[in-house]
Amino acid sequence: MKSVTVENILKKYGNTVALNGVSFDTDPGELFGIIGPDGAGKTTLFRILTTLILPDSGTADIDGCDILRDYKKIRQRVGYMPGRFSLYQDMTVEENLRLFATVFQTTVKKNYHLIKDIYSQLEPFKNRRSGKLSGGMKQKLALCCALIHKPKVLFLDEPTTGVDPVSRKEFWQMLKRLREQGITIIVSTPYMDEAKLCDRIALIKNGGFIAIETPEAIIESFPETLWAVKADHMSALLDTLRHSKGIKTSFAFGEVHHITVDTSVHSLESLKTYLENKGHKNVWISPITPTIEDCYMLLSSNS
């Protein structure tokens, strides 16, 4: 049996379509990522699947329970960590954890094995008010509270946004250990580099999924020739590329531009010569392997 099954979920806010026929499913113990920018519909989807709001149409089943008919059962079987820190900031770390355990009619001791690795990092601060914790520690506390009742499915809405790189890495290591205990984890993130840490991913744009596959399969399916380009004046270079015959797409990626190329029009050497003739200095071009972000940008431009 699938741990989560979602079929044609639609949600509108006035004339704005937040979710446009979203469908997917997950296996028990799967780490499933929903990848996309702010405003793409990730939070709306999570709020529907955790029974906080209703869809306009469509169905969803969480651990064998319908989100409309069995919403009380679902609330006992899921853990939800919203993107914004929502615990009681004037209560201590320990008080927050005990409160959530009490709400779900369990005890910290009963399910301590689930949070032991995480809470061990929080324990030195157990008497500190949660509002005084660092960003990374707040996320760890929120995760402990979402896990304390031993959920079957864990929903994490952009859990590493605004967290330092070291804490981000530690957080994903924790998720992998939780998955090994059979918990299905559905996590959303705007960070494309986190996609490769998931078993499967769904790329979302404007409320709809544009691809669902393993990260490796999405990268392998990239159909274009991809090159990295740089020169002395990068903004002028990008403008030239976007108005050049044989250049299909051009996007800024840090210190270089990534372009997809019609190789019947340009070779590496001919494009370098073309750009130099346009007045660009110190032109450098190299073939590169696509990333999830490259795939997202290409699929977005074609959708």
C-alpha atoms as a PDB file:
ATOM      1  CA  MET A   1       0.000   0.000   0.000  1.00  0.00           C
ATOM      2  CA  LYS A   2       1.177   3.521  -0.791  1.00  0.00           C
ATOM      3  CA  SER A   3       1.793   5.750   2.193  1.00  0.00           C
ATOM      4  CA  VAL A   4       0.475   8.816   0.335  1.00  0.00           C
ATOM      5  CA  THR A   5      -1.713   8.975  -2.776  1.00  0.00           C
ATOM      6  CA  VAL A   6      -2.740  12.321  -4.247  1.00  0.00           C
ATOM      7  CA  GLU A   7      -5.000  12.665  -7.285  1.00  0.00           C
ATOM      8  CA  ASN A   8      -5.827  15.869  -9.162  1.00  0.00           C
ATOM      9  CA  ILE A   9      -5.748  18.282  -6.228  1.00  0.00           C
ATOM     10  CA  LEU A  10      -6.997  21.730  -7.235  1.00  0.00           C
ATOM     11  CA  LYS A  11      -6.959  24.812  -5.012  1.00  0.00           C
ATOM     12  CA  LYS A  12      -7.783  28.396  -5.918  1.00  0.00           C
ATOM     13  CA  TYR A  13      -7.665  31.647  -3.963  1.00  0.00           C
ATOM     14  CA  GLY A  14     -10.000  33.909  -5.888  1.00  0.00           C
ATOM     15  CA  ASN A  15      -8.661  34.017  -9.437  1.00  0.00           C
ATOM     16  CA  THR A  16      -5.256  32.676  -8.389  1.00  0.00           C
ATOM     17  CA  VAL A  17      -4.658  28.975  -8.980  1.00  0.00           C
ATOM     18  CA  ALA A  18      -2.441  27.744  -6.139  1.00  0.00           C
ATOM     19  CA  LEU A  19      -2.562  24.058  -7.141  1.00  0.00           C
ATOM     20  CA  ASN A  20      -3.553  22.901 -10.588  1.00  0.00           C
ATOM     21  CA  GLY A  21      -4.356  19.187 -10.694  1.00  0.00           C
ATOM     22  CA  VAL A  22      -1.438  17.854  -8.628  1.00  0.00           C
ATOM     23  CA  SER A  23      -1.052  14.043  -8.507  1.00  0.00           C
ATOM     24  CA  PHE A  24       1.650  11.805  -6.992  1.00  0.00           C
ATOM     25  CA  ASP A  25       2.181   8.916  -4.612  1.00  0.00           C
ATOM     26  CA  THR A  26       4.891   7.747  -2.221  1.00  0.00           C
ATOM     27  CA  ASP A  27       6.038   4.403  -0.872  1.00  0.00           C
ATOM     28  CA  PRO A  28       6.443   3.713   2.861  1.00  0.00           C
ATOM     29  CA  GLY A  29       9.858   4.912   4.028  1.00  0.00           C
ATOM     30  CA  GLU A  30      10.452   7.055   0.934  1.00  0.00           C
ATOM     31  CA  LEU A  31      12.140  10.454   1.077  1.00  0.00           C
ATOM     32  CA  PHE A  32      10.158  12.466  -1.468  1.00  0.00           C
ATOM     33  CA  GLY A  33      11.151  16.024  -2.359  1.00  0.00           C
ATOM     34  CA  ILE A  34       8.984  18.785  -3.796  1.00  0.00           C
ATOM     35  CA  ILE A  35      11.321  21.266  -5.425  1.00  0.00           C
ATOM     36  CA  GLY A  36      10.408  24.734  -6.580  1.00  0.00           C
ATOM     37  CA  PRO A  37      10.610  28.462  -5.873  1.00  0.00           C
ATOM     38  CA  ASP A  38       8.543  30.492  -3.418  1.00  0.00           C
ATOM     39  CA  GLY A  39       4.942  30.840  -4.560  1.00  0.00           C
ATOM     40  CA  ALA A  40       4.923  27.607  -6.544  1.00  0.00           C
ATOM     41  CA  GLY A  41       2.282  25.951  -4.335  1.00  0.00           C
ATOM     42  CA  LYS A  42       4.358  23.853  -1.935  1.00  0.00           C
ATOM     43  CA  THR A  43       2.912  25.202   1.305  1.00  0.00           C
ATOM     44  CA  THR A  44      -0.675  25.039   0.028  1.00  0.00           C
ATOM     45  CA  LEU A  45      -0.168  21.374  -0.861  1.00  0.00           C
ATOM     46  CA  PHE A  46       1.252  20.578   2.579  1.00  0.00           C
ATOM     47  CA  ARG A  47      -1.590  22.356   4.361  1.00  0.00           C
ATOM     48  CA  ILE A  48      -4.132  20.337   2.379  1.00  0.00           C
ATOM     49  CA  LEU A  49      -2.387  17.020   3.039  1.00  0.00           C
ATOM     50  CA  THR A  50      -2.166  17.751   6.768  1.00  0.00           C
ATOM     51  CA  THR A  51      -5.925  18.624   6.802  1.00  0.00           C
ATOM     52  CA  LEU A  52      -5.439  22.296   7.700  1.00  0.00           C
ATOM     53  CA  ILE A  53      -7.312  23.525   4.612  1.00  0.00           C
ATOM     54  CA  LEU A  54      -9.641  21.878   2.099  1.00  0.00           C
ATOM     55  CA  PRO A  55      -8.969  21.385  -1.611  1.00  0.00           C
ATOM     56  CA  ASP A  56     -11.508  22.701  -4.127  1.00  0.00           C
ATOM     57  CA  SER A  57     -11.429  19.314  -5.842  1.00  0.00           C
ATOM     58  CA  GLY A  58      -9.392  16.125  -6.006  1.00  0.00           C
ATOM     59  CA  THR A  59      -8.646  13.415  -3.460  1.00  0.00           C
ATOM     60  CA  ALA A  60      -5.786  12.392  -1.201  1.00  0.00           C
ATOM     61  CA  ASP A  61      -5.130   9.372   0.979  1.00  0.00           C
ATOM     62  CA  ILE A  62      -2.609   9.422   3.848  1.00  0.00           C
ATOM     63  CA  ASP A  63      -1.683   6.043   5.371  1.00  0.00           C
ATOM     64  CA  GLY A  64      -5.018   4.592   4.260  1.00  0.00           C
ATOM     65  CA  CYS A  65      -7.095   7.569   5.456  1.00  0.00           C
ATOM     66  CA  ASP A  66      -9.036  10.020   3.286  1.00  0.00           C
ATOM     67  CA  ILE A  67      -8.160  13.674   3.981  1.00  0.00           C
ATOM     68  CA  LEU A  68     -11.815  14.681   4.088  1.00  0.00           C
ATOM     69  CA  ARG A  69     -13.517  11.724   5.740  1.00  0.00           C
ATOM     70  CA  ASP A  70     -10.739  10.664   8.133  1.00  0.00           C
ATOM     71  CA  TYR A  71      -9.092  13.975   9.012  1.00  0.00           C
ATOM     72  CA  LYS A  72      -9.005  13.213  12.757  1.00  0.00           C
ATOM     73  CA  LYS A  73      -7.137   9.955  12.154  1.00  0.00           C
ATOM     74  CA  ILE A  74      -4.709  11.669   9.791  1.00  0.00           C
ATOM     75  CA  ARG A  75      -3.783  14.266  12.409  1.00  0.00           C
ATOM     76  CA  GLN A  76      -2.654  11.425  14.672  1.00  0.00           C
ATOM     77  CA  ARG A  77      -0.617   9.775  11.912  1.00  0.00           C
ATOM     78  CA  VAL A  78       1.267  12.706  10.411  1.00  0.00           C
ATOM     79  CA  GLY A  79       3.931  15.078  11.656  1.00  0.00           C
ATOM     80  CA  TYR A  80       4.046  18.597  10.226  1.00  0.00           C
ATOM     81  CA  MET A  81       6.854  21.100  10.442  1.00  0.00           C
ATOM     82  CA  PRO A  82       5.793  24.386   8.809  1.00  0.00           C
ATOM     83  CA  GLY A  83       8.269  26.658   7.127  1.00  0.00           C
ATOM     84  CA  ARG A  84       7.896  29.328   9.782  1.00  0.00           C
ATOM     85  CA  PHE A  85       8.974  28.491  13.340  1.00  0.00           C
ATOM     86  CA  SER A  86       5.663  28.046  15.153  1.00  0.00           C
ATOM     87  CA  LEU A  87       6.513  26.658  18.582  1.00  0.00           C
ATOM     88  CA  TYR A  88       5.919  28.574  21.828  1.00  0.00           C
ATOM     89  CA  GLN A  89       8.852  30.948  21.977  1.00  0.00           C
ATOM     90  CA  ASP A  90       8.337  31.866  25.639  1.00  0.00           C
ATOM     91  CA  MET A  91       8.480  28.203  26.678  1.00  0.00           C
ATOM     92  CA  THR A  92      11.712  26.269  27.142  1.00  0.00           C
ATOM     93  CA  VAL A  93      12.945  23.536  24.827  1.00  0.00           C
ATOM     94  CA  GLU A  94      11.881  20.844  27.286  1.00  0.00           C
ATOM     95  CA  GLU A  95       8.469  22.439  27.931  1.00  0.00           C
ATOM     96  CA  ASN A  96       7.672  22.564  24.198  1.00  0.00           C
ATOM     97  CA  LEU A  97       8.584  18.936  23.734  1.00  0.00           C
ATOM     98  CA  ARG A  98       6.532  17.760  26.723  1.00  0.00           C
ATOM     99  CA  LEU A  99       3.558  19.816  25.564  1.00  0.00           C
ATOM    100  CA  PHE A 100       3.511  18.210  22.122  1.00  0.00           C
ATOM    101  CA  ALA A 101       3.855  14.763  23.640  1.00  0.00           C
ATOM    102  CA  THR A 102       0.878  15.472  25.910  1.00  0.00           C
ATOM    103  CA  VAL A 103      -1.265  16.758  23.026  1.00  0.00           C
ATOM    104  CA  PHE A 104      -0.737  13.455  21.211  1.00  0.00           C
ATOM    105  CA  GLN A 105      -1.368  11.446  24.395  1.00  0.00           C
ATOM    106  CA  THR A 106       2.125  10.011  24.582  1.00  0.00           C
ATOM    107  CA  THR A 107       5.304  10.712  26.532  1.00  0.00           C
ATOM    108  CA  VAL A 108       8.757  11.882  25.599  1.00  0.00           C
ATOM    109  CA  LYS A 109      10.206   8.700  27.101  1.00  0.00           C
ATOM    110  CA  LYS A 110       8.050   6.383  24.968  1.00  0.00           C
ATOM    111  CA  ASN A 111       9.310   7.682  21.601  1.00  0.00           C
ATOM    112  CA  TYR A 112      12.662   9.088  22.699  1.00  0.00           C
ATOM    113  CA  HIS A 113      14.462   6.636  20.390  1.00  0.00           C
ATOM    114  CA  LEU A 114      13.069   8.568  17.410  1.00  0.00           C
ATOM    115  CA  ILE A 115      14.535  11.895  18.475  1.00  0.00           C
ATOM    116  CA  LYS A 116      17.572  10.790  20.481  1.00  0.00           C
ATOM    117  CA  ASP A 117      20.173  11.799  17.858  1.00  0.00           C
ATOM    118  CA  ILE A 118      18.516  15.179  17.357  1.00  0.00           C
ATOM    119  CA  TYR A 119      17.611  15.982  20.952  1.00  0.00           C
ATOM    120  CA  SER A 120      21.088  15.134  22.210  1.00  0.00           C
ATOM    121  CA  GLN A 121      22.232  18.337  20.471  1.00  0.00           C
ATOM    122  CA  LEU A 122      19.441  20.304  22.145  1.00  0.00           C
ATOM    123  CA  GLU A 123      19.786  18.862  25.623  1.00  0.00           C
ATOM    124  CA  PRO A 124      22.433  21.368  26.817  1.00  0.00           C
ATOM    125  CA  PHE A 125      19.839  24.085  26.057  1.00  0.00           C
ATOM    126  CA  LYS A 126      16.763  22.283  27.404  1.00  0.00           C
ATOM    127  CA  ASN A 127      16.029  25.074  29.902  1.00  0.00           C
ATOM    128  CA  ARG A 128      16.471  27.871  27.343  1.00  0.00           C
ATOM    129  CA  ARG A 129      13.415  29.598  25.918  1.00  0.00           C
ATOM    130  CA  SER A 130      12.887  28.386  22.354  1.00  0.00           C
ATOM    131  CA  GLY A 131      12.736  31.943  21.020  1.00  0.00           C
ATOM    132  CA  LYS A 132      16.357  32.407  22.114  1.00  0.00           C
ATOM    133  CA  LEU A 133      17.670  29.441  20.096  1.00  0.00           C
ATOM    134  CA  SER A 134      19.712  29.794  16.907  1.00  0.00           C
ATOM    135  CA  GLY A 135      18.001  29.109  13.584  1.00  0.00           C
ATOM    136  CA  GLY A 136      19.462  25.627  13.290  1.00  0.00           C
ATOM    137  CA  MET A 137      18.516  24.693  16.859  1.00  0.00           C
ATOM    138  CA  LYS A 138      14.963  25.972  16.328  1.00  0.00           C
ATOM    139  CA  GLN A 139      14.609  23.663  13.337  1.00  0.00           C
ATOM    140  CA  LYS A 140      15.878  20.701  15.340  1.00  0.00           C
ATOM    141  CA  LEU A 141      13.418  21.412  18.140  1.00  0.00           C
ATOM    142  CA  ALA A 142      10.562  21.741  15.634  1.00  0.00           C
ATOM    143  CA  LEU A 143      11.548  18.402  14.113  1.00  0.00           C
ATOM    144  CA  CYS A 144      11.588  16.744  17.555  1.00  0.00           C
ATOM    145  CA  CYS A 145       8.080  18.056  18.269  1.00  0.00           C
ATOM    146  CA  ALA A 146       6.832  16.817  14.883  1.00  0.00           C
ATOM    147  CA  LEU A 147       8.237  13.347  15.613  1.00  0.00           C
ATOM    148  CA  ILE A 148       7.356  12.832  19.258  1.00  0.00           C
ATOM    149  CA  HIS A 149       4.102  10.960  18.509  1.00  0.00           C
ATOM    150  CA  LYS A 150       5.840   8.622  16.010  1.00  0.00           C
ATOM    151  CA  PRO A 151       4.065   9.679  12.808  1.00  0.00           C
ATOM    152  CA  LYS A 152       3.746   7.423   9.776  1.00  0.00           C
ATOM    153  CA  VAL A 153       4.254  10.366   7.397  1.00  0.00           C
ATOM    154  CA  LEU A 154       6.359  13.459   8.122  1.00  0.00           C
ATOM    155  CA  PHE A 155       5.737  16.696   6.189  1.00  0.00           C
ATOM    156  CA  LEU A 156       8.562  19.248   6.276  1.00  0.00           C
ATOM    157  CA  ASP A 157       7.911  22.581   4.584  1.00  0.00           C
ATOM    158  CA  GLU A 158      11.211  24.220   3.605  1.00  0.00           C
ATOM    159  CA  PRO A 159      12.927  23.056   6.811  1.00  0.00           C
ATOM    160  CA  THR A 160      16.379  24.434   5.949  1.00  0.00           C
ATOM    161  CA  THR A 161      15.439  27.887   4.650  1.00  0.00           C
ATOM    162  CA  GLY A 162      17.572  30.486   6.401  1.00  0.00           C
ATOM    163  CA  VAL A 163      19.705  27.853   8.131  1.00  0.00           C
ATOM    164  CA  ASP A 164      23.502  27.890   7.903  1.00  0.00           C
ATOM    165  CA  PRO A 165      25.224  25.335   5.582  1.00  0.00           C
ATOM    166  CA  VAL A 166      26.526  23.151   8.428  1.00  0.00           C
ATOM    167  CA  SER A 167      23.079  22.898  10.025  1.00  0.00           C
ATOM    168  CA  ARG A 168      21.542  22.158   6.622  1.00  0.00           C
ATOM    169  CA  LYS A 169      23.909  19.237   6.144  1.00  0.00           C
ATOM    170  CA  GLU A 170      23.214  17.906   9.642  1.00  0.00           C
ATOM    171  CA  PHE A 171      19.473  18.211   9.092  1.00  0.00           C
ATOM    172  CA  TRP A 172      19.530  16.067   5.945  1.00  0.00           C
ATOM    173  CA  GLN A 173      21.665  13.472   7.693  1.00  0.00           C
ATOM    174  CA  MET A 174      18.950  13.284  10.364  1.00  0.00           C
ATOM    175  CA  LEU A 175      16.273  12.795   7.692  1.00  0.00           C
ATOM    176  CA  LYS A 176      18.155   9.853   6.230  1.00  0.00           C
ATOM    177  CA  ARG A 177      18.299   8.186   9.641  1.00  0.00           C
ATOM    178  CA  LEU A 178      14.558   8.739  10.122  1.00  0.00           C
ATOM    179  CA  ARG A 179      13.808   7.188   6.742  1.00  0.00           C
ATOM    180  CA  GLU A 180      15.666   4.062   7.842  1.00  0.00           C
ATOM    181  CA  GLN A 181      13.065   3.718  10.624  1.00  0.00           C
ATOM    182  CA  GLY A 182      10.262   3.425   8.048  1.00  0.00           C
ATOM    183  CA  ILE A 183       8.895   6.968   8.269  1.00  0.00           C
ATOM    184  CA  THR A 184       7.770   8.416   4.938  1.00  0.00           C
ATOM    185  CA  ILE A 185       9.205  11.918   4.588  1.00  0.00           C
ATOM    186  CA  ILE A 186       7.811  14.520   2.205  1.00  0.00           C
ATOM    187  CA  VAL A 187       9.978  17.612   2.184  1.00  0.00           C
ATOM    188  CA  SER A 188       9.738  20.829   0.189  1.00  0.00           C
ATOM    189  CA  THR A 189      12.673  23.070  -0.579  1.00  0.00           C
ATOM    190  CA  PRO A 190      13.613  25.951  -2.898  1.00  0.00           C
ATOM    191  CA  TYR A 191      17.237  24.740  -2.852  1.00  0.00           C
ATOM    192  CA  MET A 192      17.904  22.752  -6.010  1.00  0.00           C
ATOM    193  CA  ASP A 193      21.089  21.236  -4.569  1.00  0.00           C
ATOM    194  CA  GLU A 194      19.003  19.444  -1.921  1.00  0.00           C
ATOM    195  CA  ALA A 195      17.048  17.570  -4.599  1.00  0.00           C
ATOM    196  CA  LYS A 196      19.798  14.990  -5.074  1.00  0.00           C
ATOM    197  CA  LEU A 197      19.414  13.967  -1.419  1.00  0.00           C
ATOM    198  CA  CYS A 198      15.881  12.627  -2.042  1.00  0.00           C
ATOM    199  CA  ASP A 199      14.809   9.222  -3.369  1.00  0.00           C
ATOM    200  CA  ARG A 200      12.448  10.890  -5.829  1.00  0.00           C
ATOM    201  CA  ILE A 201      11.534  14.490  -6.545  1.00  0.00           C
ATOM    202  CA  ALA A 202       8.669  16.454  -8.035  1.00  0.00           C
ATOM    203  CA  LEU A 203       9.549  19.733  -9.733  1.00  0.00           C
ATOM    204  CA  ILE A 204       6.718  22.234  -9.191  1.00  0.00           C
ATOM    205  CA  LYS A 205       5.934  25.440 -11.073  1.00  0.00           C
ATOM    206  CA  ASN A 206       2.854  27.651 -10.774  1.00  0.00           C
ATOM    207  CA  GLY A 207       0.928  25.018  -8.841  1.00  0.00           C
ATOM    208  CA  GLY A 208       1.638  22.087 -11.150  1.00  0.00           C
ATOM    209  CA  PHE A 209       4.224  19.320 -11.298  1.00  0.00           C
ATOM    210  CA  ILE A 210       6.411  19.480 -14.411  1.00  0.00           C
ATOM    211  CA  ALA A 211       8.390  16.294 -13.652  1.00  0.00           C
ATOM    212  CA  ILE A 212       8.385  13.436 -11.119  1.00  0.00           C
ATOM    213  CA  GLU A 213      11.360  11.055 -11.084  1.00  0.00           C
ATOM    214  CA  THR A 214      14.562  10.192  -9.308  1.00  0.00           C
ATOM    215  CA  PRO A 215      17.105  13.035  -9.368  1.00  0.00           C
ATOM    216  CA  GLU A 216      19.425  10.871 -11.472  1.00  0.00           C
ATOM    217  CA  ALA A 217      16.718  10.087 -14.027  1.00  0.00           C
ATOM    218  CA  ILE A 218      15.761  13.748 -14.398  1.00  0.00           C
ATOM    219  CA  ILE A 219      19.388  14.721 -15.027  1.00  0.00           C
ATOM    220  CA  GLU A 220      19.924  11.827 -17.458  1.00  0.00           C
ATOM    221  CA  SER A 221      16.861  12.892 -19.452  1.00  0.00           C
ATOM    222  CA  PHE A 222      18.281  16.389 -20.092  1.00  0.00           C
ATOM    223  CA  PRO A 223      17.978  16.552 -23.896  1.00  0.00           C
ATOM    224  CA  GLU A 224      20.169  19.521 -24.780  1.00  0.00           C
ATOM    225  CA  THR A 225      23.839  20.380 -25.232  1.00  0.00           C
ATOM    226  CA  LEU A 226      24.838  22.443 -22.196  1.00  0.00           C
ATOM    227  CA  TRP A 227      27.816  24.805 -22.003  1.00  0.00           C
ATOM    228  CA  ALA A 228      29.134  27.231 -19.381  1.00  0.00           C
ATOM    229  CA  VAL A 229      30.243  30.649 -20.658  1.00  0.00           C
ATOM    230  CA  LYS A 230      31.931  33.610 -19.054  1.00  0.00           C
ATOM    231  CA  ALA A 231      33.678  36.834 -20.128  1.00  0.00           C
ATOM    232  CA  ASP A 232      34.706  40.153 -18.635  1.00  0.00           C
ATOM    233  CA  HIS A 233      31.271  41.811 -18.593  1.00  0.00           C
ATOM    234  CA  MET A 234      28.750  39.159 -17.646  1.00  0.00           C
ATOM    235  CA  SER A 235      25.550  41.200 -17.922  1.00  0.00           C
ATOM    236  CA  ALA A 236      26.438  42.320 -21.446  1.00  0.00           C
ATOM    237  CA  LEU A 237      27.426  38.743 -22.297  1.00  0.00           C
ATOM    238  CA  LEU A 238      24.036  37.434 -21.153  1.00  0.00           C
ATOM    239  CA  ASP A 239      22.252  40.004 -23.307  1.00  0.00           C
ATOM    240  CA  THR A 240      24.318  38.989 -26.346  1.00  0.00           C
ATOM    241  CA  LEU A 241      23.660  35.288 -25.782  1.00  0.00           C
ATOM    242  CA  ARG A 242      19.908  35.809 -25.452  1.00  0.00           C
ATOM    243  CA  HIS A 243      19.821  37.547 -28.825  1.00  0.00           C
ATOM    244  CA  SER A 244      22.106  35.120 -30.677  1.00  0.00           C
ATOM    245  CA  LYS A 245      21.032  32.599 -33.286  1.00  0.00           C
ATOM    246  CA  GLY A 246      21.715  29.025 -32.212  1.00  0.00           C
ATOM    247  CA  ILE A 247      21.476  29.779 -28.477  1.00  0.00           C
ATOM    248  CA  LYS A 248      18.281  28.159 -27.205  1.00  0.00           C
ATOM    249  CA  THR A 249      18.354  29.247 -23.545  1.00  0.00           C
ATOM    250  CA  SER A 250      20.655  31.419 -21.445  1.00  0.00           C
ATOM    251  CA  PHE A 251      20.602  31.686 -17.646  1.00  0.00           C
ATOM    252  CA  ALA A 252      22.944  33.229 -15.099  1.00  0.00           C
ATOM    253  CA  PHE A 253      24.464  30.634 -12.736  1.00  0.00           C
ATOM    254  CA  GLY A 254      26.793  32.307 -10.255  1.00  0.00           C
ATOM    255  CA  GLU A 255      30.079  33.214 -11.926  1.00  0.00           C
ATOM    256  CA  VAL A 256      29.094  31.730 -15.313  1.00  0.00           C
ATOM    257  CA  HIS A 257      26.132  31.590 -17.680  1.00  0.00           C
ATOM    258  CA  HIS A 258      24.617  28.230 -18.631  1.00  0.00           C
ATOM    259  CA  ILE A 259      23.426  27.979 -22.215  1.00  0.00           C
ATOM    260  CA  THR A 260      21.781  25.300 -24.322  1.00  0.00           C
ATOM    261  CA  VAL A 261      23.100  25.299 -27.868  1.00  0.00           C
ATOM    262  CA  ASP A 262      22.070  24.200 -31.346  1.00  0.00           C
ATOM    263  CA  THR A 263      25.327  22.489 -32.345  1.00  0.00           C
ATOM    264  CA  SER A 264      24.379  22.674 -36.012  1.00  0.00           C
ATOM    265  CA  VAL A 265      24.868  26.425 -35.668  1.00  0.00           C
ATOM    266  CA  HIS A 266      27.748  26.671 -33.165  1.00  0.00           C
ATOM    267  CA  SER A 267      30.777  24.682 -32.095  1.00  0.00           C
ATOM    268  CA  LEU A 268      32.763  25.740 -29.034  1.00  0.00           C
ATOM    269  CA  GLU A 269      35.296  27.458 -31.251  1.00  0.00           C
ATOM    270  CA  SER A 270      32.777  29.224 -33.489  1.00  0.00           C
ATOM    271  CA  LEU A 271      30.782  30.560 -30.546  1.00  0.00           C
ATOM    272  CA  LYS A 272      33.968  31.852 -28.907  1.00  0.00           C
ATOM    273  CA  THR A 273      34.921  33.625 -32.128  1.00  0.00           C
ATOM    274  CA  TYR A 274      31.382  35.000 -32.525  1.00  0.00           C
ATOM    275  CA  LEU A 275      31.390  36.463 -29.006  1.00  0.00           C
ATOM    276  CA  GLU A 276      34.862  37.949 -29.447  1.00  0.00           C
ATOM    277  CA  ASN A 277      33.692  39.597 -32.663  1.00  0.00           C
ATOM    278  CA  LYS A 278      30.829  41.086 -30.647  1.00  0.00           C
ATOM    279  CA  GLY A 279      33.427  42.812 -28.466  1.00  0.00           C
ATOM    280  CA  HIS A 280      33.565  40.429 -25.479  1.00  0.00           C
ATOM    281  CA  LYS A 281      36.965  39.947 -23.848  1.00  0.00           C
ATOM    282  CA  ASN A 282      38.477  36.869 -22.162  1.00  0.00           C
ATOM    283  CA  VAL A 283      35.724  34.584 -23.403  1.00  0.00           C
ATOM    284  CA  TRP A 284      35.731  31.090 -21.847  1.00  0.00           C
ATOM    285  CA  ILE A 285      33.389  28.264 -22.871  1.00  0.00           C
ATOM    286  CA  SER A 286      33.238  24.679 -21.617  1.00  0.00           C
ATOM    287  CA  PRO A 287      30.807  21.722 -21.847  1.00  0.00           C
ATOM    288  CA  ILE A 288      29.227  20.904 -18.481  1.00  0.00           C
ATOM    289  CA  THR A 289      27.024  18.245 -16.896  1.00  0.00           C
ATOM    290  CA  PRO A 290      23.505  19.506 -16.099  1.00  0.00           C
ATOM    291  CA  THR A 291      22.272  19.945 -12.548  1.00  0.00           C
ATOM    292  CA  ILE A 292      18.715  19.691 -11.219  1.00  0.00           C
ATOM    293  CA  GLU A 293      18.519  23.473 -11.516  1.00  0.00           C
ATOM    294  CA  ASP A 294      19.416  23.270 -15.216  1.00  0.00           C
ATOM    295  CA  CYS A 295      16.685  20.681 -15.685  1.00  0.00           C
ATOM    296  CA  TYR A 296      14.179  22.825 -13.810  1.00  0.00           C
ATOM    297  CA  MET A 297      14.989  25.917 -15.872  1.00  0.00           C
ATOM    298  CA  LEU A 298      14.691  23.993 -19.144  1.00  0.00           C
ATOM    299  CA  LEU A 299      11.424  22.313 -18.183  1.00  0.00           C
ATOM    300  CA  SER A 300      10.051  25.642 -16.954  1.00  0.00           C
ATOM    301  CA  SER A 301      10.879  27.360 -20.223  1.00  0.00           C
ATOM    302  CA  ASN A 302       9.153  24.583 -22.179  1.00  0.00           C
ATOM    303  CA  SER A 303       6.016  24.371 -20.014  1.00  0.00           C
END
